[in-house]
Amino acid sequence: MRLAGQVAIITGVSHAGQVGFALALAFAREGVTLAICSRSAERVNARAQELRAEGAQVLPVAADLTTEEGAQSLIQQTLAAYGKINILVNLAGGLTKYMPSDELSVADWDAELNNNLRSTFLCTRAVWPVMKSQGGGKILNFSRAGTVQGSSPLMLAYNCAKAGVDALTVTFAKEGKNYGIYVNAIGPGLVDTQSNIASMNPSEEELNKKWVSREVIAETAIFLVSTASDGVNGVTLPVQAKGI
């Protein structure tokens, strides 16, 4: 098992057909003890039950990670339960504001940046002293495929939030290198989540050539949080479809 004996927090574990649950299941199969988080107590408890049915040891935490209190609660509950935190995966967020940029309200802007960038900052800051005192750790953020120059239209707040995640990843990586803390990110293309498939209805050929599987994302994540990636730091690794 590649992650045996490690304690990992994964945020954004809400629905069974999404990336967060796929990561949690893959991590558990590699020997991780888990803490998972979602805003919804009902959803995170349901995912925990499903993971326990697969043999995982898992702590469900319901928290709003856009608040300092929520982020601190997640870290402290995990530390109280397990005594250490080796891995933090900042997955919470996603694209919710898809519209012409001049129609984006301040509330829309704030919500998208809070969900994607503020939550990543708050959770990273909250776990930082824990990892420093332990002598190291791995933090994995989620960005998006392509550079700033490849930003798609109608996604202004999301694009800006993910550009911020890239900058946050590099900055924390440089600050953490003297403490044995590695900080990297995955930049996924279009992922085969249940919600994406339901909304876009791709053909089998499109799925095979243009979409990224949750299993590939999970394998990349395992690499970046395991000792196999020691020496990789401050990188946003693009993970795109075979046909790209």
Protein backbone atom coordinates (compact mmCIF):
# COMPACT_ATOMS: atom_id res chain seq x y z
CA MET A 1 0.00 0.00 0.00
CA ARG A 2 1.44 3.32 -1.12
CA LEU A 3 -0.10 5.46 1.65
CA ALA A 4 -0.13 3.05 4.58
CA GLY A 5 -0.10 4.73 7.98
CA GLN A 6 -0.93 8.17 6.60
CA VAL A 7 -3.76 10.43 7.74
CA ALA A 8 -5.40 12.40 4.93
CA ILE A 9 -8.04 15.12 4.82
CA ILE A 10 -10.05 15.44 1.61
CA THR A 11 -12.41 18.39 1.27
CA GLY A 12 -15.37 18.55 -1.09
CA VAL A 13 -16.58 14.98 -0.54
CA SER A 14 -20.28 15.41 -1.08
CA HIS A 15 -21.69 13.22 -3.87
CA ALA A 16 -20.79 9.61 -4.67
CA GLY A 17 -20.25 10.22 -8.38
CA GLN A 18 -17.79 13.09 -7.97
CA VAL A 19 -14.01 13.40 -7.77
CA GLY A 20 -13.90 13.76 -3.98
CA PHE A 21 -15.47 10.38 -3.31
CA ALA A 22 -13.28 8.74 -5.96
CA LEU A 23 -10.19 10.15 -4.24
CA ALA A 24 -11.37 9.07 -0.80
CA LEU A 25 -12.03 5.51 -1.99
CA ALA A 26 -8.70 5.27 -3.82
CA PHE A 27 -6.79 6.68 -0.84
CA ALA A 28 -8.51 4.26 1.55
CA ARG A 29 -7.49 1.33 -0.63
CA GLU A 30 -3.89 2.53 -0.32
CA GLY A 31 -4.03 2.38 3.49
CA VAL A 32 -4.98 5.93 4.42
CA THR A 33 -6.97 6.90 7.50
CA LEU A 34 -9.42 9.52 6.28
CA ALA A 35 -11.17 12.69 7.31
CA ILE A 36 -13.66 13.94 4.72
CA CYS A 37 -15.52 17.23 4.66
CA SER A 38 -18.58 18.81 3.09
CA ARG A 39 -20.88 21.65 4.06
CA SER A 40 -23.75 19.16 4.30
CA ALA A 41 -23.75 16.86 7.33
CA GLU A 42 -26.23 14.56 5.61
CA ARG A 43 -24.06 14.12 2.53
CA VAL A 44 -20.70 13.77 4.26
CA ASN A 45 -22.14 11.22 6.71
CA ALA A 46 -23.61 9.24 3.81
CA ARG A 47 -20.25 9.18 2.02
CA ALA A 48 -18.55 8.08 5.24
CA GLN A 49 -20.96 5.17 5.55
CA GLU A 50 -20.22 4.11 1.98
CA LEU A 51 -16.48 4.32 2.61
CA ARG A 52 -16.77 2.29 5.82
CA ALA A 53 -18.60 -0.39 3.85
CA GLU A 54 -15.41 -0.61 1.77
CA GLY A 55 -13.31 -1.04 4.91
CA ALA A 56 -12.14 2.54 5.32
CA GLN A 57 -11.51 4.27 8.63
CA VAL A 58 -13.08 7.69 8.13
CA LEU A 59 -14.09 10.75 10.12
CA PRO A 60 -16.87 12.84 8.53
CA VAL A 61 -16.78 16.57 9.26
CA ALA A 62 -19.48 19.03 8.24
CA ALA A 63 -17.99 22.52 7.93
CA ASP A 64 -18.14 25.69 5.85
CA LEU A 65 -14.53 25.96 4.69
CA THR A 66 -14.97 29.51 3.45
CA THR A 67 -14.86 30.55 7.12
CA GLU A 68 -11.89 30.50 9.48
CA GLU A 69 -14.00 28.67 12.05
CA GLY A 70 -14.91 25.94 9.58
CA ALA A 71 -11.35 25.38 8.40
CA GLN A 72 -9.98 25.32 11.94
CA SER A 73 -12.71 22.92 13.05
CA LEU A 74 -11.80 20.47 10.28
CA ILE A 75 -8.13 20.48 11.19
CA GLN A 76 -8.68 20.29 14.94
CA GLN A 77 -11.27 17.51 14.75
CA THR A 78 -8.94 15.46 12.56
CA LEU A 79 -6.00 16.07 14.87
CA ALA A 80 -8.05 15.14 17.93
CA ALA A 81 -9.22 11.91 16.28
CA TYR A 82 -5.94 10.73 14.77
CA GLY A 83 -3.08 12.68 16.37
CA LYS A 84 -1.48 13.74 13.09
CA ILE A 85 -2.24 15.02 9.58
CA ASN A 86 0.06 13.92 6.75
CA ILE A 87 -2.00 14.91 3.72
CA LEU A 88 -4.45 17.69 2.88
CA VAL A 89 -6.36 17.65 -0.40
CA ASN A 90 -8.09 20.96 -1.13
CA LEU A 91 -10.80 19.87 -3.54
CA ALA A 92 -13.78 21.90 -2.29
CA GLY A 93 -15.08 24.38 -4.86
CA GLY A 94 -16.01 24.13 -8.52
CA LEU A 95 -17.57 26.13 -11.31
CA THR A 96 -20.97 27.55 -10.39
CA LYS A 97 -21.04 31.00 -12.07
CA TYR A 98 -21.14 30.59 -15.87
CA MET A 99 -22.23 33.81 -17.55
CA PRO A 100 -20.97 36.86 -19.49
CA SER A 101 -18.36 38.66 -17.43
CA ASP A 102 -20.23 41.98 -17.47
CA GLU A 103 -23.28 40.26 -15.94
CA LEU A 104 -21.33 38.87 -12.98
CA SER A 105 -22.52 40.43 -9.73
CA VAL A 106 -20.25 41.18 -6.81
CA ALA A 107 -22.03 38.42 -4.88
CA ASP A 108 -21.34 35.95 -7.72
CA TRP A 109 -17.69 37.01 -7.81
CA ASP A 110 -17.29 36.67 -4.04
CA ALA A 111 -19.00 33.28 -3.92
CA GLU A 112 -16.80 31.76 -6.65
CA LEU A 113 -13.56 33.10 -5.17
CA ASN A 114 -14.56 32.09 -1.66
CA ASN A 115 -15.47 28.54 -2.66
CA ASN A 116 -12.34 27.92 -4.72
CA LEU A 117 -9.57 30.18 -3.43
CA ARG A 118 -10.47 31.35 0.07
CA SER A 119 -11.28 27.80 1.21
CA THR A 120 -7.93 26.55 -0.14
CA PHE A 121 -6.08 29.32 1.68
CA LEU A 122 -7.91 28.85 4.97
CA CYS A 123 -7.45 25.07 5.08
CA THR A 124 -3.78 25.31 4.08
CA ARG A 125 -3.11 27.98 6.68
CA ALA A 126 -4.91 25.96 9.35
CA VAL A 127 -2.91 22.76 8.70
CA TRP A 128 0.41 24.53 8.23
CA PRO A 129 1.54 24.65 11.89
CA VAL A 130 0.57 20.99 12.31
CA MET A 131 2.73 19.91 9.38
CA LYS A 132 5.60 22.17 10.45
CA SER A 133 5.62 20.63 13.93
CA GLN A 134 5.53 17.12 12.43
CA GLY A 135 8.46 17.84 10.13
CA GLY A 136 6.56 17.61 6.87
CA GLY A 137 3.43 16.83 4.92
CA LYS A 138 1.82 16.89 1.48
CA ILE A 139 -0.77 19.41 0.32
CA LEU A 140 -2.60 18.91 -2.95
CA ASN A 141 -4.72 21.67 -4.48
CA PHE A 142 -7.06 21.57 -7.47
CA SER A 143 -6.63 24.07 -10.26
CA ARG A 144 -7.83 23.79 -13.88
CA ALA A 145 -6.31 22.63 -17.15
CA GLY A 146 -4.40 25.19 -19.18
CA THR A 147 -2.60 28.38 -18.25
CA VAL A 148 -4.18 31.78 -17.65
CA GLN A 149 -3.91 32.35 -21.41
CA GLY A 150 -6.17 29.34 -21.96
CA SER A 151 -8.96 30.63 -19.72
CA SER A 152 -12.36 29.95 -21.24
CA PRO A 153 -14.98 32.71 -21.66
CA LEU A 154 -18.02 33.06 -19.38
CA MET A 155 -16.01 31.79 -16.38
CA LEU A 156 -14.32 34.97 -15.17
CA ALA A 157 -14.58 34.48 -11.40
CA TYR A 158 -13.70 30.79 -11.64
CA ASN A 159 -10.69 31.51 -13.88
CA CYS A 160 -9.44 34.17 -11.49
CA ALA A 161 -9.95 31.89 -8.48
CA LYS A 162 -7.96 29.07 -10.08
CA ALA A 163 -5.21 31.47 -11.15
CA GLY A 164 -5.07 32.39 -7.47
CA VAL A 165 -4.83 28.71 -6.53
CA ASP A 166 -1.82 28.37 -8.85
CA ALA A 167 -0.12 31.34 -7.19
CA LEU A 168 -1.02 30.06 -3.72
CA THR A 169 0.45 26.64 -4.59
CA VAL A 170 3.79 28.08 -5.68
CA THR A 171 4.04 30.50 -2.76
CA PHE A 172 3.27 27.93 -0.06
CA ALA A 173 5.60 25.44 -1.79
CA LYS A 174 8.51 27.87 -1.53
CA GLU A 175 7.70 28.64 2.11
CA GLY A 176 7.29 24.98 3.01
CA LYS A 177 10.42 23.49 1.45
CA ASN A 178 12.54 24.09 4.57
CA TYR A 179 9.94 22.26 6.67
CA GLY A 180 9.51 19.19 4.47
CA ILE A 181 6.08 20.37 3.28
CA TYR A 182 5.36 19.76 -0.40
CA VAL A 183 2.56 21.73 -2.08
CA ASN A 184 1.37 20.84 -5.58
CA ALA A 185 -1.80 21.02 -7.66
CA ILE A 186 -3.66 19.03 -10.28
CA GLY A 187 -5.07 20.88 -13.29
CA PRO A 188 -7.75 18.50 -14.62
CA GLY A 189 -9.51 18.66 -17.94
CA LEU A 190 -13.16 17.65 -18.29
CA VAL A 191 -13.74 14.89 -15.72
CA ASP A 192 -16.28 12.08 -16.06
CA THR A 193 -18.27 12.93 -12.95
CA GLN A 194 -21.89 11.85 -12.85
CA SER A 195 -23.09 15.45 -12.89
CA ASN A 196 -20.92 16.36 -15.89
CA ILE A 197 -22.08 13.33 -17.85
CA ALA A 198 -25.73 13.97 -16.99
CA SER A 199 -25.54 17.61 -18.10
CA MET A 200 -23.43 17.11 -21.25
CA ASN A 201 -24.48 13.60 -22.37
CA PRO A 202 -21.24 12.70 -24.21
CA SER A 203 -20.94 9.78 -26.62
CA GLU A 204 -18.76 6.79 -25.72
CA GLU A 205 -16.15 8.02 -28.20
CA GLU A 206 -16.13 11.49 -26.65
CA LEU A 207 -15.74 10.00 -23.18
CA ASN A 208 -12.76 7.96 -24.30
CA LYS A 209 -11.00 10.71 -26.23
CA LYS A 210 -11.95 14.01 -24.62
CA TRP A 211 -12.73 13.26 -20.98
CA VAL A 212 -10.52 12.45 -18.00
CA SER A 213 -11.58 9.56 -15.79
CA ARG A 214 -11.89 9.90 -12.03
CA GLU A 215 -9.55 6.92 -11.74
CA VAL A 216 -6.79 8.78 -13.60
CA ILE A 217 -7.28 11.81 -11.35
CA ALA A 218 -7.08 9.55 -8.30
CA GLU A 219 -3.87 7.90 -9.52
CA THR A 220 -2.27 11.29 -10.15
CA ALA A 221 -3.32 12.45 -6.70
CA ILE A 222 -1.85 9.35 -5.06
CA PHE A 223 1.46 10.04 -6.80
CA LEU A 224 1.52 13.66 -5.65
CA VAL A 225 0.76 12.88 -1.99
CA SER A 226 3.02 9.82 -1.71
CA THR A 227 6.79 9.58 -1.23
CA ALA A 228 7.08 8.81 -4.95
CA SER A 229 6.74 12.55 -5.63
CA ASP A 230 9.30 13.74 -3.06
CA GLY A 231 11.20 16.52 -4.80
CA VAL A 232 8.19 17.63 -6.84
CA ASN A 233 7.13 20.95 -5.37
CA GLY A 234 5.16 23.98 -6.51
CA VAL A 235 3.90 22.26 -9.65
CA THR A 236 0.42 22.39 -11.20
CA LEU A 237 0.26 19.11 -13.11
CA PRO A 238 -2.15 19.12 -16.05
CA VAL A 239 -4.20 15.94 -16.41
CA GLN A 240 -6.09 15.89 -19.67
CA ALA A 241 -7.78 13.38 -21.95
CA LYS A 242 -5.87 11.00 -24.20
CA GLY A 243 -7.15 12.77 -27.29
CA ILE A 244 -6.00 16.26 -26.22
